[in-house]
């Protein structure tokens, strides 16, 4: 499945969501991922990878919704991100490359 196919399938459940719903939903779901990790690192909980997978899926859903509302090709977003990373770290990530990178 590619990102555009995912977007199309995910939008079956979008209802009448607007940009505020999309942005706030994405932030909320990312926060849920962070909360699972926080509880693992600082509260002694077992890391629940299955729960993280579900929350990452919810992040994808809200990202797709944002693209849909703005008329953006979701595949394009993925490619833009990869192009940015290749430019920023042409030889792959390293701490040195991060510290010395030029925007």
C-alpha atoms as a PDB file:
ATOM      1  CA  UNK A   1       0.000   0.000   0.000  1.00  0.00           C
ATOM      2  CA  UNK A   2       1.306   3.462  -0.797  1.00  0.00           C
ATOM      3  CA  UNK A   3       0.504   6.683   1.048  1.00  0.00           C
ATOM      4  CA  UNK A   4      -2.107   7.833  -1.465  1.00  0.00           C
ATOM      5  CA  UNK A   5      -3.975   4.531  -1.268  1.00  0.00           C
ATOM      6  CA  UNK A   6      -3.855   4.779   2.528  1.00  0.00           C
ATOM      7  CA  UNK A   7      -5.210   8.330   2.346  1.00  0.00           C
ATOM      8  CA  UNK A   8      -8.096   7.261   0.132  1.00  0.00           C
ATOM      9  CA  UNK A   9      -9.015   4.335   2.374  1.00  0.00           C
ATOM     10  CA  UNK A  10      -8.640   6.331   5.582  1.00  0.00           C
ATOM     11  CA  UNK A  11     -10.913   9.125   4.374  1.00  0.00           C
ATOM     12  CA  UNK A  12     -13.876   6.755   4.422  1.00  0.00           C
ATOM     13  CA  UNK A  13     -13.971   7.512   8.153  1.00  0.00           C
ATOM     14  CA  UNK A  14     -13.215  11.244   8.043  1.00  0.00           C
ATOM     15  CA  UNK A  15     -16.745  12.558   8.350  1.00  0.00           C
ATOM     16  CA  UNK A  16     -16.921  16.351   8.318  1.00  0.00           C
ATOM     17  CA  UNK A  17     -13.523  16.974   9.904  1.00  0.00           C
ATOM     18  CA  UNK A  18     -11.834  20.314   9.331  1.00  0.00           C
ATOM     19  CA  UNK A  19      -8.253  21.571   9.529  1.00  0.00           C
ATOM     20  CA  UNK A  20      -8.483  22.289  13.264  1.00  0.00           C
ATOM     21  CA  UNK A  21      -9.637  18.728  13.896  1.00  0.00           C
ATOM     22  CA  UNK A  22      -6.778  17.398  11.770  1.00  0.00           C
ATOM     23  CA  UNK A  23      -4.054  19.457  13.438  1.00  0.00           C
ATOM     24  CA  UNK A  24      -5.296  18.953  16.963  1.00  0.00           C
ATOM     25  CA  UNK A  25      -5.863  15.255  16.353  1.00  0.00           C
ATOM     26  CA  UNK A  26      -2.341  14.783  15.027  1.00  0.00           C
ATOM     27  CA  UNK A  27      -0.902  16.551  18.047  1.00  0.00           C
ATOM     28  CA  UNK A  28      -3.035  14.505  20.419  1.00  0.00           C
ATOM     29  CA  UNK A  29      -2.069  11.183  18.886  1.00  0.00           C
ATOM     30  CA  UNK A  30       1.631  12.092  18.897  1.00  0.00           C
ATOM     31  CA  UNK A  31       1.179  12.935  22.557  1.00  0.00           C
ATOM     32  CA  UNK A  32      -0.266   9.481  23.179  1.00  0.00           C
ATOM     33  CA  UNK A  33       2.856   7.905  21.645  1.00  0.00           C
ATOM     34  CA  UNK A  34       4.988  10.114  23.885  1.00  0.00           C
ATOM     35  CA  UNK A  35       2.920   9.179  26.952  1.00  0.00           C
ATOM     36  CA  UNK A  36       3.426   5.445  26.373  1.00  0.00           C
ATOM     37  CA  UNK A  37       7.174   6.007  26.098  1.00  0.00           C
ATOM     38  CA  UNK A  38       7.185   8.284  29.181  1.00  0.00           C
ATOM     39  CA  UNK A  39       5.384   5.664  31.247  1.00  0.00           C
ATOM     40  CA  UNK A  40       7.922   3.071  30.144  1.00  0.00           C
ATOM     41  CA  UNK A  41      10.962   5.228  30.880  1.00  0.00           C
ATOM     42  CA  UNK A  42       9.835   6.940  34.069  1.00  0.00           C
ATOM     43  CA  UNK A  43       6.905   5.043  35.595  1.00  0.00           C
ATOM     44  CA  UNK A  44       8.144   1.474  35.370  1.00  0.00           C
ATOM     45  CA  UNK A  45       5.584   0.289  32.795  1.00  0.00           C
ATOM     46  CA  UNK A  46       6.442  -2.429  30.303  1.00  0.00           C
ATOM     47  CA  UNK A  47       6.912  -0.883  26.848  1.00  0.00           C
ATOM     48  CA  UNK A  48       3.661  -1.575  24.996  1.00  0.00           C
ATOM     49  CA  UNK A  49       4.816  -1.769  21.386  1.00  0.00           C
ATOM     50  CA  UNK A  50       1.375  -2.836  20.171  1.00  0.00           C
ATOM     51  CA  UNK A  51      -0.154   0.297  21.695  1.00  0.00           C
ATOM     52  CA  UNK A  52       2.548   2.437  20.087  1.00  0.00           C
ATOM     53  CA  UNK A  53       1.789   0.852  16.699  1.00  0.00           C
ATOM     54  CA  UNK A  54      -1.882   1.752  17.076  1.00  0.00           C
ATOM     55  CA  UNK A  55      -1.108   5.331  18.081  1.00  0.00           C
ATOM     56  CA  UNK A  56       1.353   5.743  15.197  1.00  0.00           C
ATOM     57  CA  UNK A  57      -1.436   4.505  12.933  1.00  0.00           C
ATOM     58  CA  UNK A  58      -3.684   7.208  14.369  1.00  0.00           C
ATOM     59  CA  UNK A  59      -0.933   9.764  13.635  1.00  0.00           C
ATOM     60  CA  UNK A  60      -0.926   8.531  10.031  1.00  0.00           C
ATOM     61  CA  UNK A  61      -4.700   8.907   9.874  1.00  0.00           C
ATOM     62  CA  UNK A  62      -4.581  12.530  10.995  1.00  0.00           C
ATOM     63  CA  UNK A  63      -1.658  13.272   8.657  1.00  0.00           C
ATOM     64  CA  UNK A  64      -3.700  11.821   5.786  1.00  0.00           C
ATOM     65  CA  UNK A  65      -6.680  13.895   6.870  1.00  0.00           C
ATOM     66  CA  UNK A  66      -4.547  17.040   6.861  1.00  0.00           C
ATOM     67  CA  UNK A  67      -3.351  16.221   3.341  1.00  0.00           C
ATOM     68  CA  UNK A  68      -6.908  15.555   2.187  1.00  0.00           C
ATOM     69  CA  UNK A  69      -8.224  18.850   3.557  1.00  0.00           C
ATOM     70  CA  UNK A  70      -5.367  20.814   1.977  1.00  0.00           C
ATOM     71  CA  UNK A  71      -5.451  18.925  -1.326  1.00  0.00           C
ATOM     72  CA  UNK A  72      -1.945  17.580  -0.810  1.00  0.00           C
ATOM     73  CA  UNK A  73      -0.681  14.333  -2.326  1.00  0.00           C
ATOM     74  CA  UNK A  74       0.369  12.180   0.656  1.00  0.00           C
ATOM     75  CA  UNK A  75       2.995  10.370  -1.446  1.00  0.00           C
ATOM     76  CA  UNK A  76       4.494  13.783  -2.222  1.00  0.00           C
ATOM     77  CA  UNK A  77       4.838  14.531   1.487  1.00  0.00           C
ATOM     78  CA  UNK A  78       6.777  11.310   2.039  1.00  0.00           C
ATOM     79  CA  UNK A  79       9.067  12.093  -0.909  1.00  0.00           C
ATOM     80  CA  UNK A  80       9.652  15.688   0.232  1.00  0.00           C
ATOM     81  CA  UNK A  81      10.701  14.379   3.637  1.00  0.00           C
ATOM     82  CA  UNK A  82      13.109  11.815   2.174  1.00  0.00           C
ATOM     83  CA  UNK A  83      14.606  14.454  -0.146  1.00  0.00           C
ATOM     84  CA  UNK A  84      15.108  16.801   2.823  1.00  0.00           C
ATOM     85  CA  UNK A  85      16.818  14.063   4.832  1.00  0.00           C
ATOM     86  CA  UNK A  86      19.083  13.092   1.915  1.00  0.00           C
ATOM     87  CA  UNK A  87      20.140  16.719   1.522  1.00  0.00           C
ATOM     88  CA  UNK A  88      20.640  17.216   5.253  1.00  0.00           C
ATOM     89  CA  UNK A  89      22.478  13.921   5.824  1.00  0.00           C
ATOM     90  CA  UNK A  90      23.808  12.694   2.455  1.00  0.00           C
ATOM     91  CA  UNK A  91      25.974  10.043   4.140  1.00  0.00           C
ATOM     92  CA  UNK A  92      23.354   9.120   6.748  1.00  0.00           C
ATOM     93  CA  UNK A  93      22.848  10.568  10.198  1.00  0.00           C
ATOM     94  CA  UNK A  94      25.732  11.203  12.549  1.00  0.00           C
ATOM     95  CA  UNK A  95      26.054  13.454  15.570  1.00  0.00           C
ATOM     96  CA  UNK A  96      28.843  15.350  13.828  1.00  0.00           C
ATOM     97  CA  UNK A  97      26.706  15.940  10.723  1.00  0.00           C
ATOM     98  CA  UNK A  98      23.849  17.109  12.938  1.00  0.00           C
ATOM     99  CA  UNK A  99      26.018  19.563  14.874  1.00  0.00           C
ATOM    100  CA  UNK A 100      27.664  20.952  11.734  1.00  0.00           C
ATOM    101  CA  UNK A 101      24.723  20.948   9.353  1.00  0.00           C
ATOM    102  CA  UNK A 102      23.841  24.046   7.371  1.00  0.00           C
ATOM    103  CA  UNK A 103      20.216  24.813   6.554  1.00  0.00           C
END
